[in-house]
Amino acid sequence: MLQLKELKKEYELINEIDWDMTPEEAVRLYLEWGNNDCTGGKYAIRSKNDVSHYFVVNTWEKVPKIYLVKRTSDDAKELAKFEMPEDINANFLNHMGNLKGVYPVKGNVKKWLQKELGCI
């Protein structure tokens, strides 16, 4: 599994990241095919070859981790795993009420991550 330092060198993979994909949307698209609005919306899964790369923040461990996930209709693979800076982590946990779960990257976490990966 890649660390942030290694991920920074994976330019093709970075270009594949869908910064708007959320864990909920990925499940709806890839695991609940019959629950999709195929007439509109940004996303549509057309075949088993479709894939999405997106980040999530997992707060189930003592120290939350960011994961880069590759999702297909067959499975989800964690490609990278790393921590956020302490100040961003504390702000994120406070904003989420210190609840355990898996969350999309947004706000300060997203801005920090995009800057780290050279996307902004």
PDB file of N, CA and C in Angstrom:
ATOM      1  N   MET A   1       0.843  -1.168   0.000  1.00  0.00           N
ATOM      2  CA  MET A   1       0.000   0.000   0.000  1.00  0.00           C
ATOM      3  C   MET A   1       0.900   1.248   0.000  1.00  0.00           C
ATOM      4  N   LEU A   2       0.518   2.218  -0.813  1.00  0.00           N
ATOM      5  CA  LEU A   2       1.324   3.423  -0.950  1.00  0.00           C
ATOM      6  C   LEU A   2       1.187   4.351   0.249  1.00  0.00           C
ATOM      7  N   GLN A   3       2.264   5.021   0.581  1.00  0.00           N
ATOM      8  CA  GLN A   3       2.255   6.119   1.543  1.00  0.00           C
ATOM      9  C   GLN A   3       2.120   7.416   0.737  1.00  0.00           C
ATOM     10  N   LEU A   4       1.858   8.527   1.407  1.00  0.00           N
ATOM     11  CA  LEU A   4       1.673   9.800   0.718  1.00  0.00           C
ATOM     12  C   LEU A   4       2.895  10.161  -0.127  1.00  0.00           C
ATOM     13  N   LYS A   5       4.082   9.965   0.426  1.00  0.00           N
ATOM     14  CA  LYS A   5       5.321  10.291  -0.288  1.00  0.00           C
ATOM     15  C   LYS A   5       5.404   9.515  -1.615  1.00  0.00           C
ATOM     16  N   GLU A   6       5.024   8.263  -1.598  1.00  0.00           N
ATOM     17  CA  GLU A   6       5.052   7.431  -2.800  1.00  0.00           C
ATOM     18  C   GLU A   6       3.937   7.819  -3.769  1.00  0.00           C
ATOM     19  N   LEU A   7       2.765   8.106  -3.218  1.00  0.00           N
ATOM     20  CA  LEU A   7       1.626   8.475  -4.053  1.00  0.00           C
ATOM     21  C   LEU A   7       1.911   9.738  -4.856  1.00  0.00           C
ATOM     22  N   LYS A   8       2.645  10.665  -4.285  1.00  0.00           N
ATOM     23  CA  LYS A   8       2.975  11.919  -4.967  1.00  0.00           C
ATOM     24  C   LYS A   8       3.693  11.693  -6.298  1.00  0.00           C
ATOM     25  N   LYS A   9       4.336  10.561  -6.460  1.00  0.00           N
ATOM     26  CA  LYS A   9       5.080  10.236  -7.681  1.00  0.00           C
ATOM     27  C   LYS A   9       4.223   9.504  -8.719  1.00  0.00           C
ATOM     28  N   GLU A  10       3.019   9.123  -8.346  1.00  0.00           N
ATOM     29  CA  GLU A  10       2.126   8.348  -9.223  1.00  0.00           C
ATOM     30  C   GLU A  10       1.194   9.289  -9.993  1.00  0.00           C
ATOM     31  N   TYR A  11       1.766  10.012 -10.966  1.00  0.00           N
ATOM     32  CA  TYR A  11       1.031  11.061 -11.667  1.00  0.00           C
ATOM     33  C   TYR A  11      -0.198  10.546 -12.414  1.00  0.00           C
ATOM     34  N   GLU A  12      -0.077   9.411 -13.058  1.00  0.00           N
ATOM     35  CA  GLU A  12      -1.228   8.858 -13.785  1.00  0.00           C
ATOM     36  C   GLU A  12      -2.366   8.516 -12.828  1.00  0.00           C
ATOM     37  N   LEU A  13      -2.034   7.930 -11.702  1.00  0.00           N
ATOM     38  CA  LEU A  13      -3.042   7.600 -10.699  1.00  0.00           C
ATOM     39  C   LEU A  13      -3.680   8.869 -10.127  1.00  0.00           C
ATOM     40  N   ILE A  14      -2.876   9.875  -9.840  1.00  0.00           N
ATOM     41  CA  ILE A  14      -3.395  11.134  -9.315  1.00  0.00           C
ATOM     42  C   ILE A  14      -4.393  11.749 -10.299  1.00  0.00           C
ATOM     43  N   ASN A  15      -4.099  11.643 -11.587  1.00  0.00           N
ATOM     44  CA  ASN A  15      -5.005  12.189 -12.607  1.00  0.00           C
ATOM     45  C   ASN A  15      -6.322  11.426 -12.693  1.00  0.00           C
ATOM     46  N   GLU A  16      -6.374  10.218 -12.157  1.00  0.00           N
ATOM     47  CA  GLU A  16      -7.593   9.406 -12.180  1.00  0.00           C
ATOM     48  C   GLU A  16      -8.510   9.671 -10.977  1.00  0.00           C
ATOM     49  N   ILE A  17      -8.046  10.434 -10.016  1.00  0.00           N
ATOM     50  CA  ILE A  17      -8.823  10.648  -8.787  1.00  0.00           C
ATOM     51  C   ILE A  17     -10.075  11.466  -9.072  1.00  0.00           C
ATOM     52  N   ASP A  18     -11.181  10.967  -8.594  1.00  0.00           N
ATOM     53  CA  ASP A  18     -12.459  11.681  -8.669  1.00  0.00           C
ATOM     54  C   ASP A  18     -12.641  12.393  -7.335  1.00  0.00           C
ATOM     55  N   TRP A  19     -12.400  13.685  -7.317  1.00  0.00           N
ATOM     56  CA  TRP A  19     -12.428  14.459  -6.078  1.00  0.00           C
ATOM     57  C   TRP A  19     -13.834  14.680  -5.543  1.00  0.00           C
ATOM     58  N   ASP A  20     -14.857  14.383  -6.344  1.00  0.00           N
ATOM     59  CA  ASP A  20     -16.243  14.573  -5.910  1.00  0.00           C
ATOM     60  C   ASP A  20     -16.916  13.280  -5.453  1.00  0.00           C
ATOM     61  N   MET A  21     -16.281  12.148  -5.721  1.00  0.00           N
ATOM     62  CA  MET A  21     -16.876  10.864  -5.333  1.00  0.00           C
ATOM     63  C   MET A  21     -16.867  10.728  -3.817  1.00  0.00           C
ATOM     64  N   THR A  22     -17.977  10.238  -3.276  1.00  0.00           N
ATOM     65  CA  THR A  22     -18.092   9.976  -1.838  1.00  0.00           C
ATOM     66  C   THR A  22     -18.239   8.476  -1.623  1.00  0.00           C
ATOM     67  N   PRO A  23     -17.983   8.011  -0.416  1.00  0.00           N
ATOM     68  CA  PRO A  23     -18.174   6.572  -0.154  1.00  0.00           C
ATOM     69  C   PRO A  23     -19.612   6.123  -0.421  1.00  0.00           C
ATOM     70  N   GLU A  24     -20.569   6.969  -0.068  1.00  0.00           N
ATOM     71  CA  GLU A  24     -21.981   6.619  -0.271  1.00  0.00           C
ATOM     72  C   GLU A  24     -22.311   6.510  -1.754  1.00  0.00           C
ATOM     73  N   GLU A  25     -21.805   7.460  -2.541  1.00  0.00           N
ATOM     74  CA  GLU A  25     -22.066   7.452  -3.974  1.00  0.00           C
ATOM     75  C   GLU A  25     -21.409   6.235  -4.630  1.00  0.00           C
ATOM     76  N   ALA A  26     -20.228   5.871  -4.187  1.00  0.00           N
ATOM     77  CA  ALA A  26     -19.548   4.703  -4.741  1.00  0.00           C
ATOM     78  C   ALA A  26     -20.344   3.424  -4.484  1.00  0.00           C
ATOM     79  N   VAL A  27     -20.862   3.279  -3.285  1.00  0.00           N
ATOM     80  CA  VAL A  27     -21.682   2.099  -2.972  1.00  0.00           C
ATOM     81  C   VAL A  27     -22.934   2.091  -3.833  1.00  0.00           C
ATOM     82  N   ARG A  28     -23.589   3.237  -3.932  1.00  0.00           N
ATOM     83  CA  ARG A  28     -24.814   3.319  -4.737  1.00  0.00           C
ATOM     84  C   ARG A  28     -24.536   2.960  -6.195  1.00  0.00           C
ATOM     85  N   LEU A  29     -23.450   3.452  -6.729  1.00  0.00           N
ATOM     86  CA  LEU A  29     -23.146   3.214  -8.139  1.00  0.00           C
ATOM     87  C   LEU A  29     -22.680   1.798  -8.430  1.00  0.00           C
ATOM     88  N   TYR A  30     -21.785   1.296  -7.603  1.00  0.00           N
ATOM     89  CA  TYR A  30     -21.125   0.029  -7.917  1.00  0.00           C
ATOM     90  C   TYR A  30     -21.771  -1.189  -7.281  1.00  0.00           C
ATOM     91  N   LEU A  31     -22.506  -1.001  -6.212  1.00  0.00           N
ATOM     92  CA  LEU A  31     -23.086  -2.155  -5.530  1.00  0.00           C
ATOM     93  C   LEU A  31     -24.602  -2.201  -5.584  1.00  0.00           C
ATOM     94  N   GLU A  32     -25.219  -1.093  -5.928  1.00  0.00           N
ATOM     95  CA  GLU A  32     -26.680  -1.037  -5.986  1.00  0.00           C
ATOM     96  C   GLU A  32     -27.118  -0.593  -7.375  1.00  0.00           C
ATOM     97  N   TRP A  33     -26.728  -1.351  -8.369  1.00  0.00           N
ATOM     98  CA  TRP A  33     -26.982  -0.965  -9.755  1.00  0.00           C
ATOM     99  C   TRP A  33     -28.445  -0.625 -10.017  1.00  0.00           C
ATOM    100  N   GLY A  34     -29.362  -1.328  -9.411  1.00  0.00           N
ATOM    101  CA  GLY A  34     -30.781  -1.079  -9.642  1.00  0.00           C
ATOM    102  C   GLY A  34     -31.288   0.165  -8.944  1.00  0.00           C
ATOM    103  N   ASN A  35     -30.463   0.790  -8.136  1.00  0.00           N
ATOM    104  CA  ASN A  35     -30.870   1.964  -7.373  1.00  0.00           C
ATOM    105  C   ASN A  35     -30.312   3.249  -7.984  1.00  0.00           C
ATOM    106  N   ASN A  36     -29.926   3.200  -9.251  1.00  0.00           N
ATOM    107  CA  ASN A  36     -29.302   4.348  -9.889  1.00  0.00           C
ATOM    108  C   ASN A  36     -30.249   5.039 -10.851  1.00  0.00           C
ATOM    109  N   ASP A  37     -30.127   6.342 -10.918  1.00  0.00           N
ATOM    110  CA  ASP A  37     -30.846   7.126 -11.907  1.00  0.00           C
ATOM    111  C   ASP A  37     -29.993   7.178 -13.165  1.00  0.00           C
ATOM    112  N   CYS A  38     -30.290   6.335 -14.128  1.00  0.00           N
ATOM    113  CA  CYS A  38     -29.450   6.252 -15.317  1.00  0.00           C
ATOM    114  C   CYS A  38     -29.822   7.293 -16.365  1.00  0.00           C
ATOM    115  N   THR A  39     -30.799   8.134 -16.076  1.00  0.00           N
ATOM    116  CA  THR A  39     -31.218   9.135 -17.057  1.00  0.00           C
ATOM    117  C   THR A  39     -30.513  10.465 -16.871  1.00  0.00           C
ATOM    118  N   GLY A  40     -29.818  10.646 -15.807  1.00  0.00           N
ATOM    119  CA  GLY A  40     -29.164  11.929 -15.574  1.00  0.00           C
ATOM    120  C   GLY A  40     -28.123  11.790 -14.495  1.00  0.00           C
ATOM    121  N   GLY A  41     -27.692  12.903 -13.988  1.00  0.00           N
ATOM    122  CA  GLY A  41     -26.689  12.868 -12.940  1.00  0.00           C
ATOM    123  C   GLY A  41     -25.296  12.769 -13.528  1.00  0.00           C
ATOM    124  N   LYS A  42     -24.321  12.975 -12.679  1.00  0.00           N
ATOM    125  CA  LYS A  42     -22.920  12.996 -13.115  1.00  0.00           C
ATOM    126  C   LYS A  42     -22.385  11.605 -13.410  1.00  0.00           C
ATOM    127  N   TYR A  43     -22.829  10.625 -12.656  1.00  0.00           N
ATOM    128  CA  TYR A  43     -22.239   9.298 -12.739  1.00  0.00           C
ATOM    129  C   TYR A  43     -23.200   8.278 -13.334  1.00  0.00           C
ATOM    130  N   ALA A  44     -22.634   7.343 -14.064  1.00  0.00           N
ATOM    131  CA  ALA A  44     -23.381   6.186 -14.549  1.00  0.00           C
ATOM    132  C   ALA A  44     -22.370   5.065 -14.765  1.00  0.00           C
ATOM    133  N   ILE A  45     -22.691   3.906 -14.257  1.00  0.00           N
ATOM    134  CA  ILE A  45     -21.845   2.727 -14.448  1.00  0.00           C
ATOM    135  C   ILE A  45     -22.443   1.940 -15.598  1.00  0.00           C
ATOM    136  N   ARG A  46     -21.645   1.748 -16.628  1.00  0.00           N
ATOM    137  CA  ARG A  46     -22.151   1.106 -17.831  1.00  0.00           C
ATOM    138  C   ARG A  46     -21.686  -0.337 -17.998  1.00  0.00           C
ATOM    139  N   SER A  47     -20.563  -0.677 -17.339  1.00  0.00           N
ATOM    140  CA  SER A  47     -20.053  -2.035 -17.500  1.00  0.00           C
ATOM    141  C   SER A  47     -19.162  -2.419 -16.326  1.00  0.00           C
ATOM    142  N   LYS A  48     -18.737  -3.656 -16.307  1.00  0.00           N
ATOM    143  CA  LYS A  48     -17.818  -4.155 -15.282  1.00  0.00           C
ATOM    144  C   LYS A  48     -16.432  -3.524 -15.403  1.00  0.00           C
ATOM    145  N   ASN A  49     -16.177  -2.853 -16.515  1.00  0.00           N
ATOM    146  CA  ASN A  49     -14.874  -2.208 -16.721  1.00  0.00           C
ATOM    147  C   ASN A  49     -14.784  -0.826 -16.088  1.00  0.00           C
ATOM    148  N   ASP A  50     -15.893  -0.279 -15.640  1.00  0.00           N
ATOM    149  CA  ASP A  50     -15.881   1.048 -15.028  1.00  0.00           C
ATOM    150  C   ASP A  50     -15.174   1.006 -13.679  1.00  0.00           C
ATOM    151  N   VAL A  51     -14.452   2.086 -13.376  1.00  0.00           N
ATOM    152  CA  VAL A  51     -13.666   2.163 -12.144  1.00  0.00           C
ATOM    153  C   VAL A  51     -13.663   3.607 -11.649  1.00  0.00           C
ATOM    154  N   SER A  52     -13.592   3.765 -10.345  1.00  0.00           N
ATOM    155  CA  SER A  52     -13.449   5.079  -9.727  1.00  0.00           C
ATOM    156  C   SER A  52     -12.318   5.026  -8.708  1.00  0.00           C
ATOM    157  N   HIS A  53     -11.559   6.113  -8.650  1.00  0.00           N
ATOM    158  CA  HIS A  53     -10.509   6.286  -7.642  1.00  0.00           C
ATOM    159  C   HIS A  53     -10.912   7.488  -6.798  1.00  0.00           C
ATOM    160  N   TYR A  54     -10.989   7.315  -5.495  1.00  0.00           N
ATOM    161  CA  TYR A  54     -11.418   8.406  -4.627  1.00  0.00           C
ATOM    162  C   TYR A  54     -10.833   8.216  -3.232  1.00  0.00           C
ATOM    163  N   PHE A  55     -10.837   9.302  -2.470  1.00  0.00           N
ATOM    164  CA  PHE A  55     -10.327   9.263  -1.105  1.00  0.00           C
ATOM    165  C   PHE A  55     -11.456   9.180  -0.096  1.00  0.00           C
ATOM    166  N   VAL A  56     -11.160   8.534   1.026  1.00  0.00           N
ATOM    167  CA  VAL A  56     -12.051   8.530   2.187  1.00  0.00           C
ATOM    168  C   VAL A  56     -11.215   8.780   3.437  1.00  0.00           C
ATOM    169  N   VAL A  57     -11.875   9.271   4.469  1.00  0.00           N
ATOM    170  CA  VAL A  57     -11.241   9.398   5.778  1.00  0.00           C
ATOM    171  C   VAL A  57     -11.885   8.347   6.666  1.00  0.00           C
ATOM    172  N   ASN A  58     -11.069   7.468   7.211  1.00  0.00           N
ATOM    173  CA  ASN A  58     -11.541   6.384   8.076  1.00  0.00           C
ATOM    174  C   ASN A  58     -11.174   6.730   9.518  1.00  0.00           C
ATOM    175  N   THR A  59     -12.187   6.867  10.368  1.00  0.00           N
ATOM    176  CA  THR A  59     -11.951   7.255  11.759  1.00  0.00           C
ATOM    177  C   THR A  59     -12.150   6.092  12.732  1.00  0.00           C
ATOM    178  N   TRP A  60     -12.138   4.869  12.239  1.00  0.00           N
ATOM    179  CA  TRP A  60     -12.341   3.719  13.121  1.00  0.00           C
ATOM    180  C   TRP A  60     -11.113   3.419  13.977  1.00  0.00           C
ATOM    181  N   GLU A  61      -9.936   3.803  13.509  1.00  0.00           N
ATOM    182  CA  GLU A  61      -8.725   3.601  14.303  1.00  0.00           C
ATOM    183  C   GLU A  61      -8.536   4.784  15.251  1.00  0.00           C
ATOM    184  N   LYS A  62      -7.645   4.631  16.204  1.00  0.00           N
ATOM    185  CA  LYS A  62      -7.384   5.700  17.165  1.00  0.00           C
ATOM    186  C   LYS A  62      -6.964   6.983  16.446  1.00  0.00           C
ATOM    187  N   VAL A  63      -6.076   6.856  15.476  1.00  0.00           N
ATOM    188  CA  VAL A  63      -5.667   7.985  14.646  1.00  0.00           C
ATOM    189  C   VAL A  63      -6.306   7.799  13.268  1.00  0.00           C
ATOM    190  N   PRO A  64      -7.170   8.727  12.852  1.00  0.00           N
ATOM    191  CA  PRO A  64      -7.820   8.602  11.537  1.00  0.00           C
ATOM    192  C   PRO A  64      -6.810   8.510  10.404  1.00  0.00           C
ATOM    193  N   LYS A  65      -7.205   7.796   9.369  1.00  0.00           N
ATOM    194  CA  LYS A  65      -6.351   7.604   8.194  1.00  0.00           C
ATOM    195  C   LYS A  65      -7.120   8.014   6.943  1.00  0.00           C
ATOM    196  N   ILE A  66      -6.367   8.492   5.962  1.00  0.00           N
ATOM    197  CA  ILE A  66      -6.918   8.745   4.643  1.00  0.00           C
ATOM    198  C   ILE A  66      -6.551   7.553   3.770  1.00  0.00           C
ATOM    199  N   TYR A  67      -7.535   7.054   3.039  1.00  0.00           N
ATOM    200  CA  TYR A  67      -7.323   5.949   2.107  1.00  0.00           C
ATOM    201  C   TYR A  67      -7.661   6.399   0.695  1.00  0.00           C
ATOM    202  N   LEU A  68      -6.852   5.967  -0.270  1.00  0.00           N
ATOM    203  CA  LEU A  68      -7.207   6.087  -1.673  1.00  0.00           C
ATOM    204  C   LEU A  68      -7.792   4.747  -2.066  1.00  0.00           C
ATOM    205  N   VAL A  69      -9.021   4.776  -2.564  1.00  0.00           N
ATOM    206  CA  VAL A  69      -9.754   3.554  -2.883  1.00  0.00           C
ATOM    207  C   VAL A  69      -9.948   3.445  -4.393  1.00  0.00           C
ATOM    208  N   LYS A  70      -9.756   2.244  -4.899  1.00  0.00           N
ATOM    209  CA  LYS A  70     -10.099   1.919  -6.289  1.00  0.00           C
ATOM    210  C   LYS A  70     -11.347   1.046  -6.225  1.00  0.00           C
ATOM    211  N   ARG A  71     -12.458   1.562  -6.759  1.00  0.00           N
ATOM    212  CA  ARG A  71     -13.742   0.852  -6.664  1.00  0.00           C
ATOM    213  C   ARG A  71     -14.187   0.387  -8.038  1.00  0.00           C
ATOM    214  N   THR A  72     -14.550  -0.882  -8.103  1.00  0.00           N
ATOM    215  CA  THR A  72     -15.200  -1.455  -9.279  1.00  0.00           C
ATOM    216  C   THR A  72     -16.468  -2.141  -8.796  1.00  0.00           C
ATOM    217  N   SER A  73     -17.216  -2.694  -9.709  1.00  0.00           N
ATOM    218  CA  SER A  73     -18.424  -3.410  -9.288  1.00  0.00           C
ATOM    219  C   SER A  73     -18.083  -4.736  -8.622  1.00  0.00           C
ATOM    220  N   ASP A  74     -16.848  -5.192  -8.774  1.00  0.00           N
ATOM    221  CA  ASP A  74     -16.428  -6.446  -8.146  1.00  0.00           C
ATOM    222  C   ASP A  74     -15.853  -6.258  -6.748  1.00  0.00           C
ATOM    223  N   ASP A  75     -15.115  -5.157  -6.533  1.00  0.00           N
ATOM    224  CA  ASP A  75     -14.498  -4.966  -5.219  1.00  0.00           C
ATOM    225  C   ASP A  75     -13.988  -3.546  -5.027  1.00  0.00           C
ATOM    226  N   ALA A  76     -13.462  -3.315  -3.857  1.00  0.00           N
ATOM    227  CA  ALA A  76     -12.803  -2.051  -3.521  1.00  0.00           C
ATOM    228  C   ALA A  76     -11.422  -2.404  -2.992  1.00  0.00           C
ATOM    229  N   LYS A  77     -10.412  -1.751  -3.562  1.00  0.00           N
ATOM    230  CA  LYS A  77      -9.038  -1.988  -3.121  1.00  0.00           C
ATOM    231  C   LYS A  77      -8.480  -0.695  -2.548  1.00  0.00           C
ATOM    232  N   GLU A  78      -7.825  -0.813  -1.419  1.00  0.00           N
ATOM    233  CA  GLU A  78      -7.163   0.335  -0.820  1.00  0.00           C
ATOM    234  C   GLU A  78      -5.767   0.429  -1.421  1.00  0.00           C
ATOM    235  N   LEU A  79      -5.501   1.523  -2.122  1.00  0.00           N
ATOM    236  CA  LEU A  79      -4.231   1.692  -2.825  1.00  0.00           C
ATOM    237  C   LEU A  79      -3.216   2.483  -2.014  1.00  0.00           C
ATOM    238  N   ALA A  80      -3.701   3.377  -1.160  1.00  0.00           N
ATOM    239  CA  ALA A  80      -2.807   4.215  -0.350  1.00  0.00           C
ATOM    240  C   ALA A  80      -3.441   4.433   1.021  1.00  0.00           C
ATOM    241  N   LYS A  81      -2.569   4.667   2.014  1.00  0.00           N
ATOM    242  CA  LYS A  81      -3.031   4.891   3.380  1.00  0.00           C
ATOM    243  C   LYS A  81      -2.025   5.798   4.075  1.00  0.00           C
ATOM    244  N   PHE A  82      -2.528   6.880   4.678  1.00  0.00           N
ATOM    245  CA  PHE A  82      -1.645   7.804   5.386  1.00  0.00           C
ATOM    246  C   PHE A  82      -2.468   8.690   6.324  1.00  0.00           C
ATOM    247  N   GLU A  83      -1.757   9.393   7.193  1.00  0.00           N
ATOM    248  CA  GLU A  83      -2.392  10.282   8.160  1.00  0.00           C
ATOM    249  C   GLU A  83      -2.386  11.714   7.652  1.00  0.00           C
ATOM    250  N   MET A  84      -3.279  12.533   8.214  1.00  0.00           N
ATOM    251  CA  MET A  84      -3.294  13.964   7.928  1.00  0.00           C
ATOM    252  C   MET A  84      -2.478  14.681   9.003  1.00  0.00           C
ATOM    253  N   PRO A  85      -2.094  15.922   8.732  1.00  0.00           N
ATOM    254  CA  PRO A  85      -1.410  16.696   9.772  1.00  0.00           C
ATOM    255  C   PRO A  85      -2.307  16.833  11.010  1.00  0.00           C
ATOM    256  N   GLU A  86      -1.692  16.948  12.169  1.00  0.00           N
ATOM    257  CA  GLU A  86      -2.442  16.970  13.431  1.00  0.00           C
ATOM    258  C   GLU A  86      -3.506  18.052  13.486  1.00  0.00           C
ATOM    259  N   ASP A  87      -3.205  19.262  13.008  1.00  0.00           N
ATOM    260  CA  ASP A  87      -4.182  20.346  13.084  1.00  0.00           C
ATOM    261  C   ASP A  87      -5.403  20.071  12.202  1.00  0.00           C
ATOM    262  N   ILE A  88      -5.178  19.532  11.019  1.00  0.00           N
ATOM    263  CA  ILE A  88      -6.293  19.198  10.119  1.00  0.00           C
ATOM    264  C   ILE A  88      -7.077  18.025  10.687  1.00  0.00           C
ATOM    265  N   ASN A  89      -6.388  17.058  11.242  1.00  0.00           N
ATOM    266  CA  ASN A  89      -7.022  15.907  11.873  1.00  0.00           C
ATOM    267  C   ASN A  89      -7.929  16.348  13.020  1.00  0.00           C
ATOM    268  N   ALA A  90      -7.421  17.202  13.905  1.00  0.00           N
ATOM    269  CA  ALA A  90      -8.198  17.666  15.061  1.00  0.00           C
ATOM    270  C   ALA A  90      -9.434  18.426  14.608  1.00  0.00           C
ATOM    271  N   ASN A  91      -9.269  19.284  13.606  1.00  0.00           N
ATOM    272  CA  ASN A  91     -10.403  20.055  13.088  1.00  0.00           C
ATOM    273  C   ASN A  91     -11.441  19.129  12.472  1.00  0.00           C
ATOM    274  N   PHE A  92     -10.977  18.132  11.716  1.00  0.00           N
ATOM    275  CA  PHE A  92     -11.880  17.175  11.076  1.00  0.00           C
ATOM    276  C   PHE A  92     -12.678  16.402  12.126  1.00  0.00           C
ATOM    277  N   LEU A  93     -11.977  15.862  13.128  1.00  0.00           N
ATOM    278  CA  LEU A  93     -12.652  15.086  14.169  1.00  0.00           C
ATOM    279  C   LEU A  93     -13.661  15.933  14.929  1.00  0.00           C
ATOM    280  N   ASN A  94     -13.297  17.152  15.231  1.00  0.00           N
ATOM    281  CA  ASN A  94     -14.206  18.050  15.935  1.00  0.00           C
ATOM    282  C   ASN A  94     -15.450  18.309  15.088  1.00  0.00           C
ATOM    283  N   HIS A  95     -15.249  18.552  13.802  1.00  0.00           N
ATOM    284  CA  HIS A  95     -16.363  18.815  12.894  1.00  0.00           C
ATOM    285  C   HIS A  95     -17.293  17.597  12.786  1.00  0.00           C
ATOM    286  N   MET A  96     -16.736  16.401  12.832  1.00  0.00           N
ATOM    287  CA  MET A  96     -17.529  15.176  12.716  1.00  0.00           C
ATOM    288  C   MET A  96     -18.043  14.679  14.071  1.00  0.00           C
ATOM    289  N   GLY A  97     -17.807  15.457  15.113  1.00  0.00           N
ATOM    290  CA  GLY A  97     -18.304  15.068  16.437  1.00  0.00           C
ATOM    291  C   GLY A  97     -17.566  13.876  17.016  1.00  0.00           C
ATOM    292  N   ASN A  98     -16.334  13.620  16.558  1.00  0.00           N
ATOM    293  CA  ASN A  98     -15.537  12.487  17.019  1.00  0.00           C
ATOM    294  C   ASN A  98     -16.234  11.149  16.829  1.00  0.00           C
ATOM    295  N   LEU A  99     -17.110  11.069  15.841  1.00  0.00           N
ATOM    296  CA  LEU A  99     -17.813   9.818  15.558  1.00  0.00           C
ATOM    297  C   LEU A  99     -16.955   8.912  14.688  1.00  0.00           C
ATOM    298  N   LYS A 100     -17.065   7.627  14.904  1.00  0.00           N
ATOM    299  CA  LYS A 100     -16.343   6.650  14.105  1.00  0.00           C
ATOM    300  C   LYS A 100     -17.119   6.415  12.815  1.00  0.00           C
ATOM    301  N   GLY A 101     -16.374   6.270  11.715  1.00  0.00           N
ATOM    302  CA  GLY A 101     -17.022   6.044  10.428  1.00  0.00           C
ATOM    303  C   GLY A 101     -16.055   6.215   9.280  1.00  0.00           C
ATOM    304  N   VAL A 102     -16.618   6.228   8.084  1.00  0.00           N
ATOM    305  CA  VAL A 102     -15.863   6.457   6.857  1.00  0.00           C
ATOM    306  C   VAL A 102     -16.519   7.645   6.158  1.00  0.00           C
ATOM    307  N   TYR A 103     -15.719   8.679   5.904  1.00  0.00           N
ATOM    308  CA  TYR A 103     -16.241   9.946   5.424  1.00  0.00           C
ATOM    309  C   TYR A 103     -15.557  10.373   4.126  1.00  0.00           C
ATOM    310  N   PRO A 104     -16.243  11.198   3.320  1.00  0.00           N
ATOM    311  CA  PRO A 104     -15.595  11.747   2.130  1.00  0.00           C
ATOM    312  C   PRO A 104     -14.571  12.806   2.528  1.00  0.00           C
ATOM    313  N   VAL A 105     -13.619  13.064   1.650  1.00  0.00           N
ATOM    314  CA  VAL A 105     -12.693  14.165   1.887  1.00  0.00           C
ATOM    315  C   VAL A 105     -13.341  15.433   1.351  1.00  0.00           C
ATOM    316  N   LYS A 106     -13.359  16.460   2.190  1.00  0.00           N
ATOM    317  CA  LYS A 106     -13.891  17.748   1.768  1.00  0.00           C
ATOM    318  C   LYS A 106     -13.328  18.828   2.676  1.00  0.00           C
ATOM    319  N   GLY A 107     -13.615  20.058   2.376  1.00  0.00           N
ATOM    320  CA  GLY A 107     -13.136  21.164   3.190  1.00  0.00           C
ATOM    321  C   GLY A 107     -11.627  21.231   3.265  1.00  0.00           C
ATOM    322  N   ASN A 108     -11.120  21.461   4.493  1.00  0.00           N
ATOM    323  CA  ASN A 108      -9.675  21.608   4.698  1.00  0.00           C
ATOM    324  C   ASN A 108      -8.893  20.345   4.361  1.00  0.00           C
ATOM    325  N   VAL A 109      -9.499  19.194   4.586  1.00  0.00           N
ATOM    326  CA  VAL A 109      -8.817  17.927   4.260  1.00  0.00           C
ATOM    327  C   VAL A 109      -8.596  17.835   2.753  1.00  0.00           C
ATOM    328  N   LYS A 110      -9.618  18.142   1.986  1.00  0.00           N
ATOM    329  CA  LYS A 110      -9.524  18.087   0.529  1.00  0.00           C
ATOM    330  C   LYS A 110      -8.506  19.106   0.012  1.00  0.00           C
ATOM    331  N   LYS A 111      -8.552  20.324   0.532  1.00  0.00           N
ATOM    332  CA  LYS A 111      -7.606  21.364   0.097  1.00  0.00           C
ATOM    333  C   LYS A 111      -6.170  20.954   0.406  1.00  0.00           C
ATOM    334  N   TRP A 112      -5.942  20.429   1.610  1.00  0.00           N
ATOM    335  CA  TRP A 112      -4.602  19.988   1.981  1.00  0.00           C
ATOM    336  C   TRP A 112      -4.121  18.875   1.061  1.00  0.00           C
ATOM    337  N   LEU A 113      -4.990  17.902   0.819  1.00  0.00           N
ATOM    338  CA  LEU A 113      -4.621  16.756   0.005  1.00  0.00           C
ATOM    339  C   LEU A 113      -4.354  17.161  -1.440  1.00  0.00           C
ATOM    340  N   GLN A 114      -5.175  18.012  -1.993  1.00  0.00           N
ATOM    341  CA  GLN A 114      -4.962  18.479  -3.363  1.00  0.00           C
ATOM    342  C   GLN A 114      -3.647  19.241  -3.483  1.00  0.00           C
ATOM    343  N   LYS A 115      -3.337  20.037  -2.473  1.00  0.00           N
ATOM    344  CA  LYS A 115      -2.073  20.766  -2.488  1.00  0.00           C
ATOM    345  C   LYS A 115      -0.893  19.799  -2.407  1.00  0.00           C
ATOM    346  N   GLU A 116      -0.982  18.813  -1.523  1.00  0.00           N
ATOM    347  CA  GLU A 116       0.088  17.821  -1.368  1.00  0.00           C
ATOM    348  C   GLU A 116       0.352  17.057  -2.666  1.00  0.00           C
ATOM    349  N   LEU A 117      -0.711  16.789  -3.425  1.00  0.00           N
ATOM    350  CA  LEU A 117      -0.584  15.996  -4.642  1.00  0.00           C
ATOM    351  C   LEU A 117      -0.382  16.854  -5.893  1.00  0.00           C
ATOM    352  N   GLY A 118      -0.261  18.169  -5.700  1.00  0.00           N
ATOM    353  CA  GLY A 118      -0.007  19.070  -6.810  1.00  0.00           C
ATOM    354  C   GLY A 118      -1.194  19.282  -7.719  1.00  0.00           C
ATOM    355  N   CYS A 119      -2.398  19.161  -7.162  1.00  0.00           N
ATOM    356  CA  CYS A 119      -3.615  19.308  -7.977  1.00  0.00           C
ATOM    357  C   CYS A 119      -4.149  20.739  -7.970  1.00  0.00           C
ATOM    358  N   ILE A 120      -3.608  21.578  -7.103  1.00  0.00           N
ATOM    359  CA  ILE A 120      -4.009  22.995  -7.083  1.00  0.00           C
ATOM    360  C   ILE A 120      -2.793  23.874  -7.030  1.00  0.00           C
TER     361      ILE A 120
END
